[in-house]
Amino acid sequence: MSLEDKIDQLKGAVKEGVGKISGDVKAEKEGAAEQATAKAKEVAEDAKKAAEEAAEKASAKAKEVAGNVKDVLEGTLDGVKNILNKDKE
């Protein structure tokens, strides 16, 4: 959540409050809309950050698994080579 979004939410709340006090329905509704827009931006930023973190974790896990598979395949290949070399003896 950015400071700008928090400021926009606050501005919207102030505008909504002034609209209520003064009876200016248009200002009241605009303030509520500004608050909602700022909140939506905040939620979108949080979701983006969470998705990026999840992608980073998934990438790291995929690299780990790939490394494990490589190790297993290399071990298997070494075992097959050893068997073939014993047959030559």
N, C-alpha and C. Protein backbone atom coordinates (compact mmCIF):
# COMPACT_ATOMS: atom_id res chain seq x y z
N MET A 1 0.85 -1.17 0.00
CA MET A 1 0.00 0.00 0.00
C MET A 1 0.89 1.23 0.00
N SER A 2 0.55 2.10 -0.88
CA SER A 2 1.40 3.28 -1.01
C SER A 2 0.84 4.43 -0.17
N LEU A 3 1.73 5.33 0.14
CA LEU A 3 1.33 6.53 0.88
C LEU A 3 0.35 7.35 0.06
N GLU A 4 0.57 7.39 -1.24
CA GLU A 4 -0.31 8.15 -2.13
C GLU A 4 -1.74 7.62 -2.05
N ASP A 5 -1.90 6.30 -2.02
CA ASP A 5 -3.24 5.72 -1.92
C ASP A 5 -3.89 6.07 -0.59
N LYS A 6 -3.11 6.04 0.48
CA LYS A 6 -3.65 6.40 1.80
C LYS A 6 -4.08 7.87 1.82
N ILE A 7 -3.28 8.73 1.19
CA ILE A 7 -3.62 10.16 1.13
C ILE A 7 -4.90 10.34 0.32
N ASP A 8 -5.01 9.61 -0.80
CA ASP A 8 -6.22 9.71 -1.63
C ASP A 8 -7.45 9.23 -0.86
N GLN A 9 -7.29 8.18 -0.06
CA GLN A 9 -8.41 7.71 0.76
C GLN A 9 -8.81 8.78 1.76
N LEU A 10 -7.82 9.41 2.37
CA LEU A 10 -8.10 10.46 3.36
C LEU A 10 -8.78 11.65 2.71
N LYS A 11 -8.29 12.06 1.53
CA LYS A 11 -8.92 13.17 0.82
C LYS A 11 -10.38 12.86 0.50
N GLY A 12 -10.60 11.63 0.07
CA GLY A 12 -11.97 11.22 -0.24
C GLY A 12 -12.86 11.25 0.99
N ALA A 13 -12.30 10.80 2.12
CA ALA A 13 -13.08 10.80 3.37
C ALA A 13 -13.42 12.23 3.79
N VAL A 14 -12.45 13.12 3.65
CA VAL A 14 -12.69 14.52 4.01
C VAL A 14 -13.76 15.11 3.09
N LYS A 15 -13.62 14.85 1.80
CA LYS A 15 -14.60 15.39 0.84
C LYS A 15 -15.99 14.83 1.12
N GLU A 16 -16.06 13.56 1.43
CA GLU A 16 -17.35 12.94 1.75
C GLU A 16 -17.94 13.58 3.01
N GLY A 17 -17.08 13.77 4.02
CA GLY A 17 -17.55 14.37 5.27
C GLY A 17 -18.03 15.79 5.08
N VAL A 18 -17.29 16.58 4.33
CA VAL A 18 -17.70 17.96 4.04
C VAL A 18 -19.02 17.96 3.29
N GLY A 19 -19.16 17.03 2.35
CA GLY A 19 -20.40 16.93 1.59
C GLY A 19 -21.58 16.61 2.49
N LYS A 20 -21.38 15.71 3.45
CA LYS A 20 -22.45 15.36 4.39
C LYS A 20 -22.84 16.56 5.24
N ILE A 21 -21.83 17.22 5.78
CA ILE A 21 -22.09 18.36 6.67
C ILE A 21 -22.77 19.50 5.93
N SER A 22 -22.31 19.75 4.71
CA SER A 22 -22.85 20.89 3.96
C SER A 22 -24.10 20.55 3.17
N GLY A 23 -24.44 19.28 3.11
CA GLY A 23 -25.62 18.87 2.35
C GLY A 23 -25.34 18.77 0.86
N ASP A 24 -24.07 18.79 0.48
CA ASP A 24 -23.69 18.69 -0.94
C ASP A 24 -23.57 17.20 -1.29
N VAL A 25 -24.64 16.66 -1.82
CA VAL A 25 -24.70 15.24 -2.12
C VAL A 25 -23.66 14.85 -3.17
N LYS A 26 -23.45 15.73 -4.14
CA LYS A 26 -22.46 15.44 -5.19
C LYS A 26 -21.07 15.28 -4.58
N ALA A 27 -20.65 16.20 -3.73
CA ALA A 27 -19.34 16.12 -3.08
C ALA A 27 -19.25 14.88 -2.21
N GLU A 28 -20.33 14.57 -1.52
CA GLU A 28 -20.36 13.38 -0.66
C GLU A 28 -20.11 12.12 -1.49
N LYS A 29 -20.82 12.00 -2.60
CA LYS A 29 -20.67 10.82 -3.46
C LYS A 29 -19.30 10.78 -4.14
N GLU A 30 -18.80 11.95 -4.55
CA GLU A 30 -17.46 12.00 -5.15
C GLU A 30 -16.40 11.56 -4.14
N GLY A 31 -16.55 12.02 -2.91
CA GLY A 31 -15.61 11.62 -1.86
C GLY A 31 -15.63 10.12 -1.62
N ALA A 32 -16.84 9.56 -1.58
CA ALA A 32 -16.95 8.11 -1.38
C ALA A 32 -16.32 7.37 -2.56
N ALA A 33 -16.53 7.88 -3.76
CA ALA A 33 -15.95 7.24 -4.95
C ALA A 33 -14.43 7.33 -4.93
N GLU A 34 -13.89 8.48 -4.51
CA GLU A 34 -12.43 8.64 -4.42
C GLU A 34 -11.84 7.66 -3.41
N GLN A 35 -12.53 7.49 -2.30
CA GLN A 35 -12.06 6.53 -1.29
C GLN A 35 -12.05 5.11 -1.86
N ALA A 36 -13.12 4.76 -2.54
CA ALA A 36 -13.23 3.41 -3.10
C ALA A 36 -12.16 3.17 -4.16
N THR A 37 -11.90 4.17 -4.98
CA THR A 37 -10.87 4.04 -6.01
C THR A 37 -9.49 3.85 -5.39
N ALA A 38 -9.18 4.65 -4.38
CA ALA A 38 -7.89 4.53 -3.72
C ALA A 38 -7.75 3.17 -3.03
N LYS A 39 -8.82 2.70 -2.41
CA LYS A 39 -8.79 1.40 -1.75
C LYS A 39 -8.59 0.28 -2.77
N ALA A 40 -9.26 0.41 -3.93
CA ALA A 40 -9.10 -0.61 -4.98
C ALA A 40 -7.66 -0.65 -5.47
N LYS A 41 -7.04 0.51 -5.63
CA LYS A 41 -5.63 0.55 -6.04
C LYS A 41 -4.75 -0.12 -5.00
N GLU A 42 -5.04 0.15 -3.74
CA GLU A 42 -4.27 -0.45 -2.65
C GLU A 42 -4.38 -1.97 -2.67
N VAL A 43 -5.60 -2.46 -2.84
CA VAL A 43 -5.83 -3.91 -2.87
C VAL A 43 -5.13 -4.52 -4.08
N ALA A 44 -5.19 -3.85 -5.23
CA ALA A 44 -4.52 -4.35 -6.43
C ALA A 44 -3.01 -4.41 -6.23
N GLU A 45 -2.43 -3.40 -5.59
CA GLU A 45 -0.99 -3.41 -5.32
C GLU A 45 -0.62 -4.56 -4.39
N ASP A 46 -1.44 -4.78 -3.37
CA ASP A 46 -1.19 -5.89 -2.44
C ASP A 46 -1.27 -7.23 -3.16
N ALA A 47 -2.27 -7.37 -4.03
CA ALA A 47 -2.43 -8.63 -4.78
C ALA A 47 -1.25 -8.85 -5.72
N LYS A 48 -0.80 -7.79 -6.37
CA LYS A 48 0.35 -7.89 -7.28
C LYS A 48 1.60 -8.33 -6.51
N LYS A 49 1.79 -7.72 -5.34
CA LYS A 49 2.96 -8.07 -4.53
C LYS A 49 2.89 -9.53 -4.10
N ALA A 50 1.72 -9.98 -3.68
CA ALA A 50 1.55 -11.37 -3.26
C ALA A 50 1.80 -12.33 -4.42
N ALA A 51 1.33 -11.97 -5.61
CA ALA A 51 1.54 -12.81 -6.79
C ALA A 51 3.02 -12.88 -7.16
N GLU A 52 3.71 -11.75 -7.07
CA GLU A 52 5.14 -11.73 -7.37
C GLU A 52 5.92 -12.60 -6.39
N GLU A 53 5.55 -12.52 -5.10
CA GLU A 53 6.22 -13.34 -4.09
C GLU A 53 5.96 -14.82 -4.33
N ALA A 54 4.72 -15.16 -4.69
CA ALA A 54 4.38 -16.56 -4.97
C ALA A 54 5.14 -17.06 -6.18
N ALA A 55 5.28 -16.22 -7.20
CA ALA A 55 6.02 -16.61 -8.40
C ALA A 55 7.49 -16.84 -8.09
N GLU A 56 8.06 -15.98 -7.25
CA GLU A 56 9.46 -16.15 -6.85
C GLU A 56 9.66 -17.46 -6.10
N LYS A 57 8.74 -17.77 -5.18
CA LYS A 57 8.84 -19.03 -4.43
C LYS A 57 8.70 -20.23 -5.36
N ALA A 58 7.76 -20.15 -6.29
CA ALA A 58 7.55 -21.25 -7.24
C ALA A 58 8.77 -21.46 -8.11
N SER A 59 9.37 -20.37 -8.54
CA SER A 59 10.57 -20.46 -9.38
C SER A 59 11.72 -21.10 -8.61
N ALA A 60 11.89 -20.69 -7.37
CA ALA A 60 12.96 -21.26 -6.55
C ALA A 60 12.73 -22.76 -6.33
N LYS A 61 11.49 -23.13 -6.08
CA LYS A 61 11.16 -24.54 -5.86
C LYS A 61 11.40 -25.35 -7.13
N ALA A 62 11.02 -24.78 -8.28
CA ALA A 62 11.23 -25.47 -9.56
C ALA A 62 12.72 -25.69 -9.81
N LYS A 63 13.54 -24.69 -9.49
CA LYS A 63 14.99 -24.85 -9.66
C LYS A 63 15.53 -25.94 -8.73
N GLU A 64 15.01 -25.97 -7.51
CA GLU A 64 15.44 -27.00 -6.55
C GLU A 64 15.08 -28.39 -7.06
N VAL A 65 13.85 -28.55 -7.54
CA VAL A 65 13.40 -29.84 -8.05
C VAL A 65 14.23 -30.25 -9.27
N ALA A 66 14.48 -29.30 -10.17
CA ALA A 66 15.29 -29.59 -11.36
C ALA A 66 16.68 -30.05 -10.95
N GLY A 67 17.25 -29.40 -9.95
CA GLY A 67 18.57 -29.82 -9.46
C GLY A 67 18.54 -31.23 -8.89
N ASN A 68 17.48 -31.55 -8.15
CA ASN A 68 17.34 -32.90 -7.59
C ASN A 68 17.20 -33.94 -8.69
N VAL A 69 16.40 -33.63 -9.70
CA VAL A 69 16.21 -34.56 -10.82
C VAL A 69 17.54 -34.78 -11.54
N LYS A 70 18.29 -33.69 -11.74
CA LYS A 70 19.60 -33.80 -12.41
C LYS A 70 20.52 -34.71 -11.61
N ASP A 71 20.54 -34.53 -10.28
CA ASP A 71 21.39 -35.37 -9.43
C ASP A 71 20.99 -36.84 -9.52
N VAL A 72 19.69 -37.10 -9.52
CA VAL A 72 19.22 -38.49 -9.61
C VAL A 72 19.60 -39.09 -10.96
N LEU A 73 19.41 -38.32 -12.03
CA LEU A 73 19.75 -38.83 -13.36
C LEU A 73 21.24 -39.07 -13.50
N GLU A 74 22.06 -38.19 -12.96
CA GLU A 74 23.51 -38.38 -13.02
C GLU A 74 23.92 -39.61 -12.23
N GLY A 75 23.28 -39.82 -11.07
CA GLY A 75 23.58 -41.01 -10.27
C GLY A 75 23.18 -42.28 -10.99
N THR A 76 22.04 -42.23 -11.65
CA THR A 76 21.58 -43.40 -12.41
C THR A 76 22.52 -43.69 -13.57
N LEU A 77 22.92 -42.63 -14.26
CA LEU A 77 23.85 -42.80 -15.38
C LEU A 77 25.18 -43.39 -14.91
N ASP A 78 25.67 -42.90 -13.78
CA ASP A 78 26.92 -43.45 -13.23
C ASP A 78 26.75 -44.93 -12.88
N GLY A 79 25.60 -45.27 -12.33
CA GLY A 79 25.34 -46.68 -11.99
C GLY A 79 25.31 -47.56 -13.22
N VAL A 80 24.67 -47.09 -14.28
CA VAL A 80 24.62 -47.86 -15.53
C VAL A 80 26.02 -48.00 -16.11
N LYS A 81 26.82 -46.94 -16.08
CA LYS A 81 28.19 -47.02 -16.58
C LYS A 81 29.00 -48.04 -15.79
N ASN A 82 28.82 -48.05 -14.47
CA ASN A 82 29.53 -49.02 -13.63
C ASN A 82 29.14 -50.45 -14.00
N ILE A 83 27.86 -50.66 -14.23
CA ILE A 83 27.40 -52.01 -14.61
C ILE A 83 28.00 -52.42 -15.93
N LEU A 84 27.98 -51.50 -16.90
CA LEU A 84 28.55 -51.80 -18.21
C LEU A 84 30.05 -52.06 -18.12
N ASN A 85 30.75 -51.31 -17.30
CA ASN A 85 32.20 -51.52 -17.15
C ASN A 85 32.51 -52.85 -16.47
N LYS A 86 31.66 -53.29 -15.55
CA LYS A 86 31.88 -54.59 -14.89
C LYS A 86 31.69 -55.72 -15.87
N ASP A 87 30.76 -55.55 -16.80
CA ASP A 87 30.55 -56.59 -17.81
C ASP A 87 31.74 -56.72 -18.73
N LYS A 88 32.51 -55.65 -18.92
CA LYS A 88 33.70 -55.68 -19.79
C LYS A 88 34.85 -56.40 -19.13
N GLU A 89 34.83 -56.48 -17.82
CA GLU A 89 35.96 -57.09 -17.09
C GLU A 89 35.94 -58.56 -17.16
